[in-house]
Amino acid sequence: MSPCPPAASGGYAYLDHGEVFYRTAIGAPPTQLTSTGSRVDDFWWTPDGTRLLYKVVSSPPDIAGDVRMISLSTRQQLWDLGASTQFFTLSPDGSSWAAGTISVQNGNNVGVQVTIRALLTFPWVTTFCPAELADSRRS
């Protein structure tokens, strides 16, 4: 008996050499979803399975890059953050996203900038510093 659980039915996406690929099932031929010159380092699939958000690194090895969204049915780009970010995530229900950067000086984190918005809206940016986060938790 295999210690591995059975595979879920349906397709899956994965990163290969800095691009996102999709397979309809294990062993099925891959379909390349992105074409970025091997610069994708992260992606999220919306819960309804219709869209894919991915981050394109501006200049490797730096991790800062732009977040884009494509339709999986048309392969057309639907949205582009248009700003450099180091990390991003999608809410579990797919209605919102968050992206941010960490400022480092002399090896120390000195601030975090986080953007949180509903999907398909323009960013609203708030900057938080670690001291401000600690103060807000005391309130």
C-alpha atoms as a PDB file:
ATOM      1  CA  MET A   1       0.000   0.000   0.000  1.00  0.00           C
ATOM      2  CA  SER A   2       1.145   3.485  -0.800  1.00  0.00           C
ATOM      3  CA  PRO A   3       1.565   5.914   2.146  1.00  0.00           C
ATOM      4  CA  CYS A   4       0.464   8.711  -0.193  1.00  0.00           C
ATOM      5  CA  PRO A   5      -3.206   9.733  -0.251  1.00  0.00           C
ATOM      6  CA  PRO A   6      -5.048   9.375  -3.561  1.00  0.00           C
ATOM      7  CA  ALA A   7      -4.774  12.387  -5.870  1.00  0.00           C
ATOM      8  CA  ALA A   8      -7.700  14.779  -6.004  1.00  0.00           C
ATOM      9  CA  SER A   9      -9.695  14.761  -9.198  1.00  0.00           C
ATOM     10  CA  GLY A  10      -9.307  17.698 -11.551  1.00  0.00           C
ATOM     11  CA  GLY A  11      -6.422  19.767 -12.800  1.00  0.00           C
ATOM     12  CA  TYR A  12      -3.553  21.423 -11.042  1.00  0.00           C
ATOM     13  CA  ALA A  13      -1.061  24.223 -11.649  1.00  0.00           C
ATOM     14  CA  TYR A  14       2.633  24.270 -10.783  1.00  0.00           C
ATOM     15  CA  LEU A  15       5.838  26.276 -11.300  1.00  0.00           C
ATOM     16  CA  ASP A  16       8.476  24.930 -13.679  1.00  0.00           C
ATOM     17  CA  HIS A  17      11.570  26.975 -14.542  1.00  0.00           C
ATOM     18  CA  GLY A  18       9.873  30.215 -13.478  1.00  0.00           C
ATOM     19  CA  GLU A  19       6.628  29.733 -15.450  1.00  0.00           C
ATOM     20  CA  VAL A  20       3.168  28.488 -14.428  1.00  0.00           C
ATOM     21  CA  PHE A  21       1.921  25.318 -16.103  1.00  0.00           C
ATOM     22  CA  TYR A  22      -1.442  23.541 -15.888  1.00  0.00           C
ATOM     23  CA  ARG A  23      -2.313  19.862 -16.302  1.00  0.00           C
ATOM     24  CA  THR A  24      -5.861  18.535 -16.422  1.00  0.00           C
ATOM     25  CA  ALA A  25      -4.742  15.377 -14.571  1.00  0.00           C
ATOM     26  CA  ILE A  26      -1.585  13.572 -13.477  1.00  0.00           C
ATOM     27  CA  GLY A  27       0.225  12.458 -16.629  1.00  0.00           C
ATOM     28  CA  ALA A  28      -1.748  14.802 -18.920  1.00  0.00           C
ATOM     29  CA  PRO A  29       0.252  17.075 -21.240  1.00  0.00           C
ATOM     30  CA  PRO A  30       1.150  20.451 -19.694  1.00  0.00           C
ATOM     31  CA  THR A  31      -0.223  23.780 -20.862  1.00  0.00           C
ATOM     32  CA  GLN A  32       1.989  26.813 -20.206  1.00  0.00           C
ATOM     33  CA  LEU A  33      -0.094  29.617 -18.661  1.00  0.00           C
ATOM     34  CA  THR A  34       2.566  32.325 -18.348  1.00  0.00           C
ATOM     35  CA  SER A  35       5.364  33.580 -20.558  1.00  0.00           C
ATOM     36  CA  THR A  36       7.593  35.861 -18.508  1.00  0.00           C
ATOM     37  CA  GLY A  37      11.144  34.848 -19.340  1.00  0.00           C
ATOM     38  CA  SER A  38      11.230  32.490 -16.319  1.00  0.00           C
ATOM     39  CA  ARG A  39      10.474  35.180 -13.726  1.00  0.00           C
ATOM     40  CA  VAL A  40       7.349  33.855 -11.913  1.00  0.00           C
ATOM     41  CA  ASP A  41       8.107  32.955  -8.291  1.00  0.00           C
ATOM     42  CA  ASP A  42       4.639  32.650  -6.723  1.00  0.00           C
ATOM     43  CA  PHE A  43       1.016  32.139  -7.755  1.00  0.00           C
ATOM     44  CA  TRP A  44      -2.483  31.705  -6.348  1.00  0.00           C
ATOM     45  CA  TRP A  45      -5.471  30.115  -8.030  1.00  0.00           C
ATOM     46  CA  THR A  46      -8.859  31.696  -7.247  1.00  0.00           C
ATOM     47  CA  PRO A  47     -11.218  29.326  -5.392  1.00  0.00           C
ATOM     48  CA  ASP A  48     -13.666  29.217  -8.312  1.00  0.00           C
ATOM     49  CA  GLY A  49     -10.848  28.002 -10.585  1.00  0.00           C
ATOM     50  CA  THR A  50     -11.357  30.724 -13.206  1.00  0.00           C
ATOM     51  CA  ARG A  51      -8.391  33.034 -12.565  1.00  0.00           C
ATOM     52  CA  LEU A  52      -4.744  32.811 -11.610  1.00  0.00           C
ATOM     53  CA  LEU A  53      -2.713  35.520  -9.851  1.00  0.00           C
ATOM     54  CA  TYR A  54       1.060  35.332 -10.158  1.00  0.00           C
ATOM     55  CA  LYS A  55       4.094  37.442  -9.259  1.00  0.00           C
ATOM     56  CA  VAL A  56       6.696  38.305 -11.894  1.00  0.00           C
ATOM     57  CA  VAL A  57      10.096  39.136 -10.388  1.00  0.00           C
ATOM     58  CA  SER A  58      11.518  42.376 -11.825  1.00  0.00           C
ATOM     59  CA  SER A  59      15.193  41.454 -11.777  1.00  0.00           C
ATOM     60  CA  PRO A  60      16.312  38.145 -10.261  1.00  0.00           C
ATOM     61  CA  PRO A  61      17.674  37.385  -7.714  1.00  0.00           C
ATOM     62  CA  ASP A  62      15.680  40.232  -6.108  1.00  0.00           C
ATOM     63  CA  ILE A  63      12.212  38.977  -5.070  1.00  0.00           C
ATOM     64  CA  ALA A  64      10.365  42.250  -5.700  1.00  0.00           C
ATOM     65  CA  GLY A  65       7.991  42.114  -8.644  1.00  0.00           C
ATOM     66  CA  ASP A  66       4.566  42.846 -10.099  1.00  0.00           C
ATOM     67  CA  VAL A  67       1.388  40.820  -9.489  1.00  0.00           C
ATOM     68  CA  ARG A  68      -0.804  39.970 -12.486  1.00  0.00           C
ATOM     69  CA  MET A  69      -4.039  38.060 -12.971  1.00  0.00           C
ATOM     70  CA  ILE A  70      -5.107  35.997 -15.990  1.00  0.00           C
ATOM     71  CA  SER A  71      -8.322  34.285 -16.990  1.00  0.00           C
ATOM     72  CA  LEU A  72      -7.761  30.547 -17.254  1.00  0.00           C
ATOM     73  CA  SER A  73     -10.406  30.178 -19.970  1.00  0.00           C
ATOM     74  CA  THR A  74      -9.083  32.904 -22.305  1.00  0.00           C
ATOM     75  CA  ARG A  75      -5.433  33.125 -21.089  1.00  0.00           C
ATOM     76  CA  GLN A  76      -5.871  36.922 -21.239  1.00  0.00           C
ATOM     77  CA  GLN A  77      -4.442  39.241 -18.594  1.00  0.00           C
ATOM     78  CA  LEU A  78      -7.292  40.744 -16.546  1.00  0.00           C
ATOM     79  CA  TRP A  79      -5.404  42.794 -14.003  1.00  0.00           C
ATOM     80  CA  ASP A  80      -1.957  44.123 -13.148  1.00  0.00           C
ATOM     81  CA  LEU A  81      -1.012  45.556  -9.743  1.00  0.00           C
ATOM     82  CA  GLY A  82       1.377  47.991 -11.429  1.00  0.00           C
ATOM     83  CA  ALA A  83       3.586  48.254  -8.361  1.00  0.00           C
ATOM     84  CA  SER A  84       6.568  46.388  -7.006  1.00  0.00           C
ATOM     85  CA  THR A  85       5.835  43.958  -4.173  1.00  0.00           C
ATOM     86  CA  GLN A  86       7.774  41.240  -2.370  1.00  0.00           C
ATOM     87  CA  PHE A  87       4.873  39.047  -1.261  1.00  0.00           C
ATOM     88  CA  PHE A  88       1.171  38.587  -1.922  1.00  0.00           C
ATOM     89  CA  THR A  89      -1.723  36.364  -0.974  1.00  0.00           C
ATOM     90  CA  LEU A  90      -5.344  35.791  -1.907  1.00  0.00           C
ATOM     91  CA  SER A  91      -8.165  35.490   0.628  1.00  0.00           C
ATOM     92  CA  PRO A  92      -9.676  31.992   1.029  1.00  0.00           C
ATOM     93  CA  ASP A  93     -12.905  33.071  -0.685  1.00  0.00           C
ATOM     94  CA  GLY A  94     -11.015  34.820  -3.512  1.00  0.00           C
ATOM     95  CA  SER A  95     -12.657  38.192  -2.931  1.00  0.00           C
ATOM     96  CA  SER A  96      -9.592  40.099  -1.678  1.00  0.00           C
ATOM     97  CA  TRP A  97      -5.842  40.191  -2.032  1.00  0.00           C
ATOM     98  CA  ALA A  98      -2.961  41.525   0.042  1.00  0.00           C
ATOM     99  CA  ALA A  99       0.530  42.453  -1.110  1.00  0.00           C
ATOM    100  CA  GLY A 100       3.472  44.068   0.574  1.00  0.00           C
ATOM    101  CA  THR A 101       7.121  44.885   0.966  1.00  0.00           C
ATOM    102  CA  ILE A 102       9.518  44.745   3.893  1.00  0.00           C
ATOM    103  CA  SER A 103      12.062  47.518   4.409  1.00  0.00           C
ATOM    104  CA  VAL A 104      15.466  46.348   5.650  1.00  0.00           C
ATOM    105  CA  GLN A 105      18.300  48.577   6.868  1.00  0.00           C
ATOM    106  CA  ASN A 106      21.588  47.143   8.170  1.00  0.00           C
ATOM    107  CA  GLY A 107      20.043  43.675   8.306  1.00  0.00           C
ATOM    108  CA  ASN A 108      17.047  44.762  10.410  1.00  0.00           C
ATOM    109  CA  ASN A 109      13.397  44.942   9.373  1.00  0.00           C
ATOM    110  CA  VAL A 110      12.432  48.580   9.845  1.00  0.00           C
ATOM    111  CA  GLY A 111       8.971  48.650   8.325  1.00  0.00           C
ATOM    112  CA  VAL A 112       6.300  46.817   6.408  1.00  0.00           C
ATOM    113  CA  GLN A 113       4.036  48.255   3.734  1.00  0.00           C
ATOM    114  CA  VAL A 114       0.857  46.249   3.111  1.00  0.00           C
ATOM    115  CA  THR A 115      -1.881  46.759   0.523  1.00  0.00           C
ATOM    116  CA  ILE A 116      -5.251  45.069   1.079  1.00  0.00           C
ATOM    117  CA  ARG A 117      -8.069  45.439  -1.461  1.00  0.00           C
ATOM    118  CA  ALA A 118     -10.990  43.717  -3.050  1.00  0.00           C
ATOM    119  CA  LEU A 119     -10.033  41.817  -6.176  1.00  0.00           C
ATOM    120  CA  LEU A 120     -10.120  43.949  -9.371  1.00  0.00           C
ATOM    121  CA  THR A 121      -9.827  47.302  -7.574  1.00  0.00           C
ATOM    122  CA  PHE A 122      -6.993  49.805  -7.449  1.00  0.00           C
ATOM    123  CA  PRO A 123      -4.606  49.578  -4.488  1.00  0.00           C
ATOM    124  CA  TRP A 124      -5.020  51.448  -1.269  1.00  0.00           C
ATOM    125  CA  VAL A 125      -1.721  51.525   0.569  1.00  0.00           C
ATOM    126  CA  THR A 126      -1.082  51.906   4.273  1.00  0.00           C
ATOM    127  CA  THR A 127       2.381  51.818   5.777  1.00  0.00           C
ATOM    128  CA  PHE A 128       2.887  50.171   9.153  1.00  0.00           C
ATOM    129  CA  CYS A 129       6.095  50.186  11.159  1.00  0.00           C
ATOM    130  CA  PRO A 130       6.733  47.469  13.761  1.00  0.00           C
ATOM    131  CA  ALA A 131       6.415  49.980  16.615  1.00  0.00           C
ATOM    132  CA  GLU A 132       3.025  51.144  15.290  1.00  0.00           C
ATOM    133  CA  LEU A 133       1.814  47.537  15.094  1.00  0.00           C
ATOM    134  CA  ALA A 134       2.796  46.944  18.722  1.00  0.00           C
ATOM    135  CA  ASP A 135       1.051  50.176  19.796  1.00  0.00           C
ATOM    136  CA  SER A 136      -2.151  49.251  17.931  1.00  0.00           C
ATOM    137  CA  ARG A 137      -2.321  45.883  19.726  1.00  0.00           C
ATOM    138  CA  ARG A 138      -2.249  47.628  23.110  1.00  0.00           C
ATOM    139  CA  SER A 139      -5.237  49.844  22.269  1.00  0.00           C
END
